[in-house]
Amino acid sequence: MPKITAEVPEKIYRSIEEEVKLGIFSNASDAINSALKKAYAGKSRTFLKWLMKKEGISEASMLKELIAIRK
């Protein structure tokens, strides 16, 4: 997996370290990966909602299509 370096505010750094100490995450990298995955999932949901509204697609028709694709 590629590695990156980033600067984070002190408060976020302390929160990450605290979650590692509590055993929520095994290390800071796992905590950051989890946060990034959640952020991008939220971004994807927001985009999908915007696209549905823009294109006039109802939730019911979207679910119907999803069911058809999974068969």
C-alpha atoms as a PDB file:
ATOM      1  CA  MET A   1       0.000   0.000   0.000  1.00  0.00           C
ATOM      2  CA  PRO A   2       1.404   3.451  -0.857  1.00  0.00           C
ATOM      3  CA  LYS A   3       2.480   5.616   2.068  1.00  0.00           C
ATOM      4  CA  ILE A   4       1.831   9.320   2.475  1.00  0.00           C
ATOM      5  CA  THR A   5       2.844  11.934   5.005  1.00  0.00           C
ATOM      6  CA  ALA A   6       0.373  14.491   6.265  1.00  0.00           C
ATOM      7  CA  GLU A   7       0.225  17.209   8.883  1.00  0.00           C
ATOM      8  CA  VAL A   8      -2.785  17.043  11.185  1.00  0.00           C
ATOM      9  CA  PRO A   9      -3.995  19.401  13.890  1.00  0.00           C
ATOM     10  CA  GLU A  10      -2.746  18.568  17.392  1.00  0.00           C
ATOM     11  CA  LYS A  11      -6.272  17.820  18.645  1.00  0.00           C
ATOM     12  CA  ILE A  12      -6.851  15.190  15.938  1.00  0.00           C
ATOM     13  CA  TYR A  13      -3.426  13.671  16.590  1.00  0.00           C
ATOM     14  CA  ARG A  14      -4.216  13.336  20.295  1.00  0.00           C
ATOM     15  CA  SER A  15      -7.579  11.735  19.476  1.00  0.00           C
ATOM     16  CA  ILE A  16      -5.880   9.191  17.225  1.00  0.00           C
ATOM     17  CA  GLU A  17      -3.279   8.390  19.870  1.00  0.00           C
ATOM     18  CA  GLU A  18      -5.987   7.999  22.518  1.00  0.00           C
ATOM     19  CA  GLU A  19      -7.954   5.553  20.351  1.00  0.00           C
ATOM     20  CA  VAL A  20      -4.792   3.517  19.794  1.00  0.00           C
ATOM     21  CA  LYS A  21      -4.087   3.477  23.556  1.00  0.00           C
ATOM     22  CA  LEU A  22      -7.670   2.338  24.228  1.00  0.00           C
ATOM     23  CA  GLY A  23      -7.240  -0.517  21.757  1.00  0.00           C
ATOM     24  CA  ILE A  24      -9.856   0.763  19.321  1.00  0.00           C
ATOM     25  CA  PHE A  25      -7.188   0.683  16.604  1.00  0.00           C
ATOM     26  CA  SER A  26      -3.920  -1.221  16.567  1.00  0.00           C
ATOM     27  CA  ASN A  27      -1.972   1.802  15.341  1.00  0.00           C
ATOM     28  CA  ALA A  28      -2.366   5.337  13.991  1.00  0.00           C
ATOM     29  CA  SER A  29      -2.297   4.130  10.394  1.00  0.00           C
ATOM     30  CA  ASP A  30      -5.351   1.911  10.981  1.00  0.00           C
ATOM     31  CA  ALA A  31      -7.205   4.813  12.606  1.00  0.00           C
ATOM     32  CA  ILE A  32      -6.448   7.135   9.708  1.00  0.00           C
ATOM     33  CA  ASN A  33      -7.372   4.491   7.106  1.00  0.00           C
ATOM     34  CA  SER A  34     -10.710   3.946   8.844  1.00  0.00           C
ATOM     35  CA  ALA A  35     -11.430   7.678   8.945  1.00  0.00           C
ATOM     36  CA  LEU A  36     -10.551   8.108   5.266  1.00  0.00           C
ATOM     37  CA  LYS A  37     -12.761   5.186   4.218  1.00  0.00           C
ATOM     38  CA  LYS A  38     -15.692   6.653   6.158  1.00  0.00           C
ATOM     39  CA  ALA A  39     -15.105  10.096   4.662  1.00  0.00           C
ATOM     40  CA  TYR A  40     -15.007   8.785   1.089  1.00  0.00           C
ATOM     41  CA  ALA A  41     -18.070   6.607   1.666  1.00  0.00           C
ATOM     42  CA  GLY A  42     -19.952   9.690   2.858  1.00  0.00           C
ATOM     43  CA  LYS A  43     -18.744  11.652  -0.148  1.00  0.00           C
ATOM     44  CA  SER A  44     -19.945   8.883  -2.472  1.00  0.00           C
ATOM     45  CA  ARG A  45     -23.394   8.815  -0.843  1.00  0.00           C
ATOM     46  CA  THR A  46     -23.679  12.587  -1.151  1.00  0.00           C
ATOM     47  CA  PHE A  47     -22.742  12.430  -4.835  1.00  0.00           C
ATOM     48  CA  LEU A  48     -25.235   9.633  -5.480  1.00  0.00           C
ATOM     49  CA  LYS A  49     -28.039  11.604  -3.803  1.00  0.00           C
ATOM     50  CA  TRP A  50     -27.151  14.680  -5.864  1.00  0.00           C
ATOM     51  CA  LEU A  51     -27.062  12.659  -9.083  1.00  0.00           C
ATOM     52  CA  MET A  52     -30.423  11.021  -8.350  1.00  0.00           C
ATOM     53  CA  LYS A  53     -31.985  14.433  -7.761  1.00  0.00           C
ATOM     54  CA  LYS A  54     -30.369  15.937 -10.874  1.00  0.00           C
ATOM     55  CA  GLU A  55     -31.484  13.076 -13.095  1.00  0.00           C
ATOM     56  CA  GLY A  56     -34.913  12.707 -11.486  1.00  0.00           C
ATOM     57  CA  ILE A  57     -34.295   9.135 -10.369  1.00  0.00           C
ATOM     58  CA  SER A  58     -36.455   7.932  -7.489  1.00  0.00           C
ATOM     59  CA  GLU A  59     -35.131   5.815  -4.667  1.00  0.00           C
ATOM     60  CA  ALA A  60     -37.659   3.115  -5.574  1.00  0.00           C
ATOM     61  CA  SER A  61     -36.442   2.900  -9.175  1.00  0.00           C
ATOM     62  CA  MET A  62     -32.825   2.870  -7.999  1.00  0.00           C
ATOM     63  CA  LEU A  63     -33.536  -0.037  -5.630  1.00  0.00           C
ATOM     64  CA  LYS A  64     -35.468  -1.878  -8.341  1.00  0.00           C
ATOM     65  CA  GLU A  65     -32.491  -1.554 -10.691  1.00  0.00           C
ATOM     66  CA  LEU A  66     -30.101  -2.711  -7.980  1.00  0.00           C
ATOM     67  CA  ILE A  67     -32.191  -5.817  -7.345  1.00  0.00           C
ATOM     68  CA  ALA A  68     -32.249  -6.561 -11.093  1.00  0.00           C
ATOM     69  CA  ILE A  69     -28.471  -6.194 -11.347  1.00  0.00           C
ATOM     70  CA  ARG A  70     -27.851  -8.551  -8.409  1.00  0.00           C
ATOM     71  CA  LYS A  71     -29.940 -11.359  -9.936  1.00  0.00           C
END
